[in-house]
C-alpha cells in the first residue's frame, strides 16, 4: 500500500531514504521538491536518479489535491472546500486585508469538543487530518503565494490532534520546509492538557486561548471541557511559562448578549489575567439555527472593549469576514456533505 510524501518531516524522509537504500542527502532533496518547488509527481524530482525515483514511486506518491469548490464573499473572503479521507470534507478560509493575507485552516473533520457556540461542534467528529492534509490547505489553493499569516482556527480543536499539528508547524517554520516565521502563525485552542504544554515547549508559534467567560460555571456551559481543564488552571500554566517577547498570547472572547458582557465579567477578567502580557480579541457571535445565544450589540461590545483597555488589558474587536458565505468565526461546517 502506497503512502503520501507531502507532510513528512525531514526525520521521516530520512527514514524513507534509508529504507530504500538511497544516499543520505536524498531526504533533503525530496524535502526541497515537496516544500519549495510544489511538484505533483515523484518523476518531477529530476536531481534524483531514475532508479531512486522508481523506488520512491513504487511505494509513495506526492499526496496533494486541489480544492473541489470555492465560494467568494462580497467582502473578498474566499472559502475553499477540500475532499479528504474516504469522501469526507473540510473547509478553509482565505481572508485578504490591506496589510496581510490570512489563511484559516482546519485540523479535524468536524470536532468533538461540543462548544455550543460553534456549528462545527454541532457537526460532531469524523476524524483527524494528517499532517499532509493540514498543509495541503496552504499549498493547494490559488492564493498560496500571497499568504502572510496562518491561523489554526478552522474546523476542529488543534490540540486534540497534537502530533499532526506539531509536525505541520515544524514543516512550516523549518529551513527545509516553508521557512515561515512562527510569529505569523497562530494556533487556537480551548486549552487541552498536556498537549498545551507540548505546544508551548516544542513550538514558537503564537497561541490563542478560547476563553469566552472568566466564570467557571458559564464557561462550562459554553465549553464542556472546562470541567476537565478549568480556565484558571490553563491561565496558571501560561503564567508559569511566562510567555513574552515577540511570541503573542491572546484570549478569544465571543460576546453573548446578557450572558458574558457585563461589568462583573470585566472585573473578573482583570483579576484572572492580571500580570500576563496578552491581548483580548472580542468576537461577534454569529448565530445559527437552533442556537439559544445572541450576539451582544455593537455599543455593548465597544464599551466592553474600552473598559478592559482602561483596566490595562489590551483589547481589540475582531472584524467579521465572510459571514454571507458562512465563513466567519464558528460558522464552518461540512455536516451535510459528511453525513452521506
Protein backbone atom coordinates (compact mmCIF):
# COMPACT_ATOMS: atom_id res chain seq x y z
CA UNK A 1 0.00 0.00 0.00
CA UNK A 2 1.45 3.38 -1.03
CA UNK A 3 1.75 6.41 1.25
CA UNK A 4 1.94 10.15 0.67
CA UNK A 5 5.24 12.06 0.85
CA UNK A 6 3.75 15.52 1.32
CA UNK A 7 3.52 16.26 5.04
CA UNK A 8 6.56 14.18 6.01
CA UNK A 9 9.12 15.85 8.26
CA UNK A 10 12.83 15.71 7.41
CA UNK A 11 13.28 12.96 10.03
CA UNK A 12 10.56 10.89 8.37
CA UNK A 13 12.05 11.49 4.92
CA UNK A 14 15.42 10.28 6.21
CA UNK A 15 13.83 7.04 7.37
CA UNK A 16 12.21 6.61 3.96
CA UNK A 17 15.54 7.19 2.20
CA UNK A 18 17.26 4.69 4.46
CA UNK A 19 14.56 2.07 3.89
CA UNK A 20 15.07 2.40 0.13
CA UNK A 21 18.88 2.36 0.39
CA UNK A 22 19.13 5.87 -1.05
CA UNK A 23 22.03 8.26 -0.26
CA UNK A 24 21.80 10.29 2.97
CA UNK A 25 21.30 13.58 1.13
CA UNK A 26 18.22 12.28 -0.70
CA UNK A 27 15.89 13.30 2.13
CA UNK A 28 16.93 16.95 1.76
CA UNK A 29 16.41 16.76 -1.99
CA UNK A 30 12.93 15.32 -1.53
CA UNK A 31 12.02 17.99 1.04
CA UNK A 32 13.18 20.69 -1.36
CA UNK A 33 10.94 19.34 -4.11
CA UNK A 34 7.96 18.95 -1.79
CA UNK A 35 8.04 22.27 0.05
CA UNK A 36 9.98 24.66 -2.19
CA UNK A 37 9.01 23.62 -5.72
CA UNK A 38 5.44 22.37 -5.42
CA UNK A 39 5.80 19.34 -7.65
CA UNK A 40 2.90 16.99 -8.42
CA UNK A 41 4.77 13.78 -9.20
CA UNK A 42 7.82 11.85 -7.96
CA UNK A 43 9.02 11.86 -11.58
CA UNK A 44 9.43 15.66 -11.30
CA UNK A 45 12.34 15.18 -8.85
CA UNK A 46 14.86 15.47 -11.65
CA UNK A 47 18.02 15.60 -9.50
CA UNK A 48 17.24 12.09 -8.21
CA UNK A 49 18.43 9.16 -10.26
CA UNK A 50 15.90 7.30 -12.35
CA UNK A 51 16.25 4.24 -10.12
CA UNK A 52 15.71 6.36 -6.98
CA UNK A 53 12.56 7.88 -8.47
CA UNK A 54 11.31 4.44 -9.40
CA UNK A 55 11.93 3.12 -5.90
CA UNK A 56 10.08 6.08 -4.40
CA UNK A 57 7.12 5.95 -6.79
CA UNK A 58 6.69 2.22 -6.19
CA UNK A 59 5.80 2.93 -2.55
CA UNK A 60 4.94 6.64 -2.31
CA UNK A 61 3.00 9.37 -4.07
CA UNK A 62 3.05 13.17 -3.52
CA UNK A 63 -0.38 13.36 -1.88
CA UNK A 64 -1.61 16.87 -2.63
CA UNK A 65 -5.03 17.76 -4.00
CA UNK A 66 -6.83 20.86 -5.22
CA UNK A 67 -9.99 22.21 -3.58
CA UNK A 68 -13.21 20.85 -5.03
CA UNK A 69 -15.20 24.06 -4.55
CA UNK A 70 -14.77 27.73 -3.67
CA UNK A 71 -17.17 30.45 -2.57
CA UNK A 72 -16.36 34.16 -2.70
CA UNK A 73 -17.84 36.62 -0.22
CA UNK A 74 -18.86 40.15 -1.09
CA UNK A 75 -16.01 41.33 1.18
CA UNK A 76 -13.40 39.30 -0.76
CA UNK A 77 -13.14 36.40 1.66
CA UNK A 78 -12.85 33.01 -0.08
CA UNK A 79 -14.00 29.71 1.40
CA UNK A 80 -12.47 26.54 -0.02
CA UNK A 81 -13.87 23.03 0.24
CA UNK A 82 -11.33 20.18 0.32
CA UNK A 83 -12.05 16.47 -0.01
CA UNK A 84 -10.18 14.29 2.49
CA UNK A 85 -10.23 10.63 3.62
CA UNK A 86 -12.93 8.47 2.13
CA UNK A 87 -15.01 11.32 0.70
CA UNK A 88 -15.13 13.47 3.81
CA UNK A 89 -14.82 17.25 3.58
CA UNK A 90 -13.25 20.21 5.36
CA UNK A 91 -13.36 23.98 4.86
CA UNK A 92 -10.54 26.53 4.67
CA UNK A 93 -10.92 30.33 4.61
CA UNK A 94 -8.71 32.91 2.87
CA UNK A 95 -9.10 36.41 4.36
CA UNK A 96 -7.47 39.24 2.37
CA UNK A 97 -6.76 42.54 4.11
CA UNK A 98 -4.73 45.56 3.06
CA UNK A 99 -1.65 44.71 5.13
CA UNK A 100 -1.98 40.93 5.45
CA UNK A 101 -3.44 37.89 3.75
CA UNK A 102 -4.57 35.31 6.32
CA UNK A 103 -5.45 31.67 5.78
CA UNK A 104 -7.65 29.98 8.39
CA UNK A 105 -7.05 26.23 8.27
CA UNK A 106 -8.72 23.15 9.74
CA UNK A 107 -7.15 20.32 11.71
CA UNK A 108 -10.05 17.89 12.04
CA UNK A 109 -13.15 16.74 10.15
CA UNK A 110 -15.73 18.20 12.47
CA UNK A 111 -14.95 18.49 16.19
CA UNK A 112 -15.60 16.50 19.36
CA UNK A 113 -15.41 19.39 21.85
CA UNK A 114 -19.12 20.25 21.66
CA UNK A 115 -18.83 24.02 22.26
CA UNK A 116 -22.39 25.28 21.91
CA UNK A 117 -21.48 28.49 20.09
CA UNK A 118 -19.77 26.69 17.17
CA UNK A 119 -21.51 24.99 14.25
CA UNK A 120 -18.51 22.71 13.75
CA UNK A 121 -19.09 21.40 17.27
CA UNK A 122 -22.72 20.64 16.36
CA UNK A 123 -21.42 18.61 13.42
CA UNK A 124 -19.63 16.13 15.65
CA UNK A 125 -16.34 14.41 14.90
CA UNK A 126 -15.47 12.41 11.77
CA UNK A 127 -11.70 12.14 12.09
CA UNK A 128 -8.30 13.81 12.43
CA UNK A 129 -6.43 15.30 9.50
CA UNK A 130 -2.91 14.04 8.93
CA UNK A 131 -0.01 16.46 8.51
CA UNK A 132 -0.23 16.42 4.72
CA UNK A 133 -3.96 17.20 4.78
CA UNK A 134 -3.34 20.15 7.10
CA UNK A 135 -0.55 21.56 4.91
CA UNK A 136 -2.39 20.83 1.67
CA UNK A 137 -4.89 23.57 2.58
CA UNK A 138 -2.00 26.03 2.38
CA UNK A 139 -0.24 24.63 -0.66
CA UNK A 140 -3.20 23.84 -2.90
CA UNK A 141 -5.31 26.97 -3.11
CA UNK A 142 -4.65 29.64 -5.70
CA UNK A 143 -3.65 32.39 -3.22
CA UNK A 144 -0.86 30.33 -1.63
CA UNK A 145 1.88 32.66 -2.84
CA UNK A 146 0.27 35.70 -1.18
CA UNK A 147 -0.38 34.24 2.29
CA UNK A 148 1.30 36.25 5.05
CA UNK A 149 -0.39 34.74 8.11
CA UNK A 150 -1.82 31.36 9.05
CA UNK A 151 -4.31 30.72 11.84
CA UNK A 152 -5.28 27.27 13.09
CA UNK A 153 -8.84 28.40 13.78
CA UNK A 154 -10.86 26.40 11.27
CA UNK A 155 -12.70 23.15 11.84
CA UNK A 156 -11.58 21.10 14.84
CA UNK A 157 -9.56 21.54 18.03
CA UNK A 158 -5.85 21.66 17.07
CA UNK A 159 -4.59 20.29 20.38
CA UNK A 160 -6.93 17.32 20.10
CA UNK A 161 -4.74 16.37 17.10
CA UNK A 162 -1.34 17.43 18.51
CA UNK A 163 1.03 15.10 16.63
CA UNK A 164 -0.13 16.16 13.17
CA UNK A 165 -0.40 19.83 14.19
CA UNK A 166 3.11 19.97 15.67
CA UNK A 167 4.58 18.25 12.59
CA UNK A 168 2.82 20.75 10.33
CA UNK A 169 4.21 23.65 12.38
CA UNK A 170 7.71 22.17 12.11
CA UNK A 171 7.45 21.95 8.33
CA UNK A 172 6.01 25.46 8.04
CA UNK A 173 8.76 27.07 10.11
CA UNK A 174 11.83 24.92 9.30
CA UNK A 175 14.51 25.82 6.78
CA UNK A 176 13.91 22.53 4.96
CA UNK A 177 10.19 23.38 4.74
CA UNK A 178 8.47 26.70 4.12
CA UNK A 179 10.79 28.86 6.29
CA UNK A 180 7.84 30.82 7.64
CA UNK A 181 8.25 32.95 10.75
CA UNK A 182 6.44 31.41 13.75
CA UNK A 183 5.31 34.94 14.60
CA UNK A 184 2.99 34.75 11.59
CA UNK A 185 1.30 31.55 12.73
CA UNK A 186 -1.33 31.32 15.49
CA UNK A 187 -2.78 28.16 16.99
CA UNK A 188 -6.15 28.47 18.73
CA UNK A 189 -7.27 26.08 21.46
CA UNK A 190 -9.77 25.76 24.30
CA UNK A 191 -6.80 24.55 26.38
CA UNK A 192 -6.20 20.80 26.37
CA UNK A 193 -3.59 19.46 28.77
CA UNK A 194 -0.94 18.10 28.41
CA UNK A 195 -0.99 18.94 24.68
CA UNK A 196 -0.88 22.65 25.58
CA UNK A 197 2.41 22.12 27.42
CA UNK A 198 3.81 20.23 24.41
CA UNK A 199 2.84 23.05 22.07
CA UNK A 200 4.40 25.76 24.23
CA UNK A 201 7.64 23.78 24.65
CA UNK A 202 8.04 22.47 21.08
CA UNK A 203 6.77 25.40 19.01
CA UNK A 204 7.41 29.13 18.99
CA UNK A 205 4.16 29.97 17.21
CA UNK A 206 1.57 32.31 18.68
CA UNK A 207 -1.11 30.96 20.99
CA UNK A 208 -4.78 31.93 21.24
CA UNK A 209 -6.92 30.59 24.09
CA UNK A 210 -10.69 30.32 23.64
CA UNK A 211 -11.81 31.96 26.90
CA UNK A 212 -15.46 33.06 26.43
CA UNK A 213 -16.10 33.61 30.16
CA UNK A 214 -13.92 34.02 33.27
CA UNK A 215 -16.58 32.29 35.40
CA UNK A 216 -16.23 28.51 35.57
CA UNK A 217 -19.96 27.71 35.50
CA UNK A 218 -20.58 29.89 32.45
CA UNK A 219 -17.53 28.63 30.60
CA UNK A 220 -18.54 25.03 31.36
CA UNK A 221 -21.93 25.75 29.75
CA UNK A 222 -20.23 27.13 26.64
CA UNK A 223 -17.22 24.77 26.59
CA UNK A 224 -17.93 21.40 28.23
CA UNK A 225 -14.21 20.62 28.58
CA UNK A 226 -13.98 23.39 31.20
CA UNK A 227 -14.97 20.66 33.65
CA UNK A 228 -11.76 18.73 32.91
CA UNK A 229 -9.42 21.64 32.11
CA UNK A 230 -10.58 24.75 34.03
CA UNK A 231 -9.65 28.14 32.65
CA UNK A 232 -7.92 29.03 35.93
CA UNK A 233 -5.64 26.00 35.55
CA UNK A 234 -4.92 26.98 31.95
CA UNK A 235 -4.06 30.55 32.91
CA UNK A 236 -1.79 29.38 35.72
CA UNK A 237 0.01 27.12 33.26
CA UNK A 238 0.55 30.08 30.94
CA UNK A 239 1.73 32.17 33.88
CA UNK A 240 4.37 29.55 34.74
CA UNK A 241 5.69 29.53 31.19
CA UNK A 242 5.83 33.33 31.24
CA UNK A 243 5.20 33.74 27.51
CA UNK A 244 6.69 37.03 26.39
CA UNK A 245 8.92 38.62 23.79
CA UNK A 246 7.68 38.55 20.21
CA UNK A 247 5.58 35.44 20.77
CA UNK A 248 1.98 36.62 21.14
CA UNK A 249 -0.53 35.25 23.62
CA UNK A 250 -4.15 36.17 23.07
CA UNK A 251 -7.52 35.26 24.51
CA UNK A 252 -10.58 34.92 22.30
CA UNK A 253 -13.81 36.18 23.79
CA UNK A 254 -17.08 35.76 21.87
CA UNK A 255 -19.63 38.30 23.06
CA UNK A 256 -23.04 36.92 24.10
CA UNK A 257 -25.92 39.23 24.91
CA UNK A 258 -26.73 39.42 28.62
CA UNK A 259 -24.51 36.40 29.28
CA UNK A 260 -20.84 37.39 29.36
CA UNK A 261 -20.86 41.12 28.57
CA UNK A 262 -21.32 42.75 32.00
CA UNK A 263 -19.13 44.81 34.31
CA UNK A 264 -18.82 41.74 36.55
CA UNK A 265 -17.11 39.92 33.65
CA UNK A 266 -14.73 42.83 33.13
CA UNK A 267 -13.73 42.79 36.80
CA UNK A 268 -13.25 39.00 36.80
CA UNK A 269 -11.22 39.09 33.57
CA UNK A 270 -8.94 41.75 35.03
CA UNK A 271 -8.30 39.57 38.06
CA UNK A 272 -7.84 36.35 36.07
CA UNK A 273 -5.35 37.82 33.60
CA UNK A 274 -3.57 40.19 35.97
CA UNK A 275 0.15 40.39 35.22
CA UNK A 276 0.01 38.36 31.99
CA UNK A 277 1.19 40.07 28.83
CA UNK A 278 -1.62 39.31 26.40
CA UNK A 279 -4.27 40.60 24.04
CA UNK A 280 -8.02 40.02 24.27
CA UNK A 281 -9.86 39.63 20.97
CA UNK A 282 -13.56 40.35 21.25
CA UNK A 283 -15.57 38.46 18.63
CA UNK A 284 -19.16 38.98 17.50
CA UNK A 285 -21.27 35.86 17.82
CA UNK A 286 -22.62 34.58 14.52
CA UNK A 287 -25.93 32.97 15.33
CA UNK A 288 -27.21 29.84 13.63
CA UNK A 289 -30.43 27.84 13.54
CA UNK A 290 -31.22 26.27 16.89
CA UNK A 291 -28.86 28.46 18.91
CA UNK A 292 -30.24 29.97 22.12
CA UNK A 293 -27.46 32.58 22.23
CA UNK A 294 -27.44 36.06 20.74
CA UNK A 295 -24.58 38.42 19.99
CA UNK A 296 -24.05 41.48 22.14
CA UNK A 297 -24.90 44.70 20.30
CA UNK A 298 -22.20 46.93 18.87
CA UNK A 299 -22.47 49.56 21.60
CA UNK A 300 -22.04 46.94 24.33
CA UNK A 301 -19.05 45.40 22.55
CA UNK A 302 -17.31 48.75 22.15
CA UNK A 303 -17.93 49.74 25.80
CA UNK A 304 -16.67 46.33 26.94
CA UNK A 305 -13.50 46.86 24.92
CA UNK A 306 -12.93 50.36 26.27
CA UNK A 307 -13.41 49.27 29.90
CA UNK A 308 -10.98 46.36 29.51
CA UNK A 309 -8.40 48.68 27.98
CA UNK A 310 -8.79 51.03 30.92
CA UNK A 311 -8.10 48.04 33.19
CA UNK A 312 -4.77 47.61 31.42
CA UNK A 313 -5.84 44.68 29.23
CA UNK A 314 -5.03 45.38 25.58
CA UNK A 315 -8.33 44.61 23.84
CA UNK A 316 -9.47 44.73 20.22
CA UNK A 317 -12.62 43.79 18.33
CA UNK A 318 -12.11 41.25 15.54
CA UNK A 319 -13.63 42.24 12.22
CA UNK A 320 -16.17 39.67 11.00
CA UNK A 321 -15.42 38.45 7.48
CA UNK A 322 -17.22 36.14 5.09
CA UNK A 323 -20.46 35.91 7.03
CA UNK A 324 -22.55 35.80 3.82
CA UNK A 325 -20.82 32.55 2.78
CA UNK A 326 -20.79 31.04 6.31
CA UNK A 327 -17.04 31.58 6.58
CA UNK A 328 -16.96 33.73 9.73
CA UNK A 329 -15.79 32.57 13.15
CA UNK A 330 -17.68 29.48 14.34
CA UNK A 331 -19.61 29.02 11.09
CA UNK A 332 -17.60 26.29 9.33
CA UNK A 333 -19.45 23.01 8.83
CA UNK A 334 -19.43 20.16 6.33
CA UNK A 335 -22.05 18.12 8.18
CA UNK A 336 -24.41 17.88 5.22
CA UNK A 337 -21.64 16.55 3.00
CA UNK A 338 -20.01 14.21 5.53
CA UNK A 339 -23.23 12.51 6.66
CA UNK A 340 -23.67 10.77 3.30
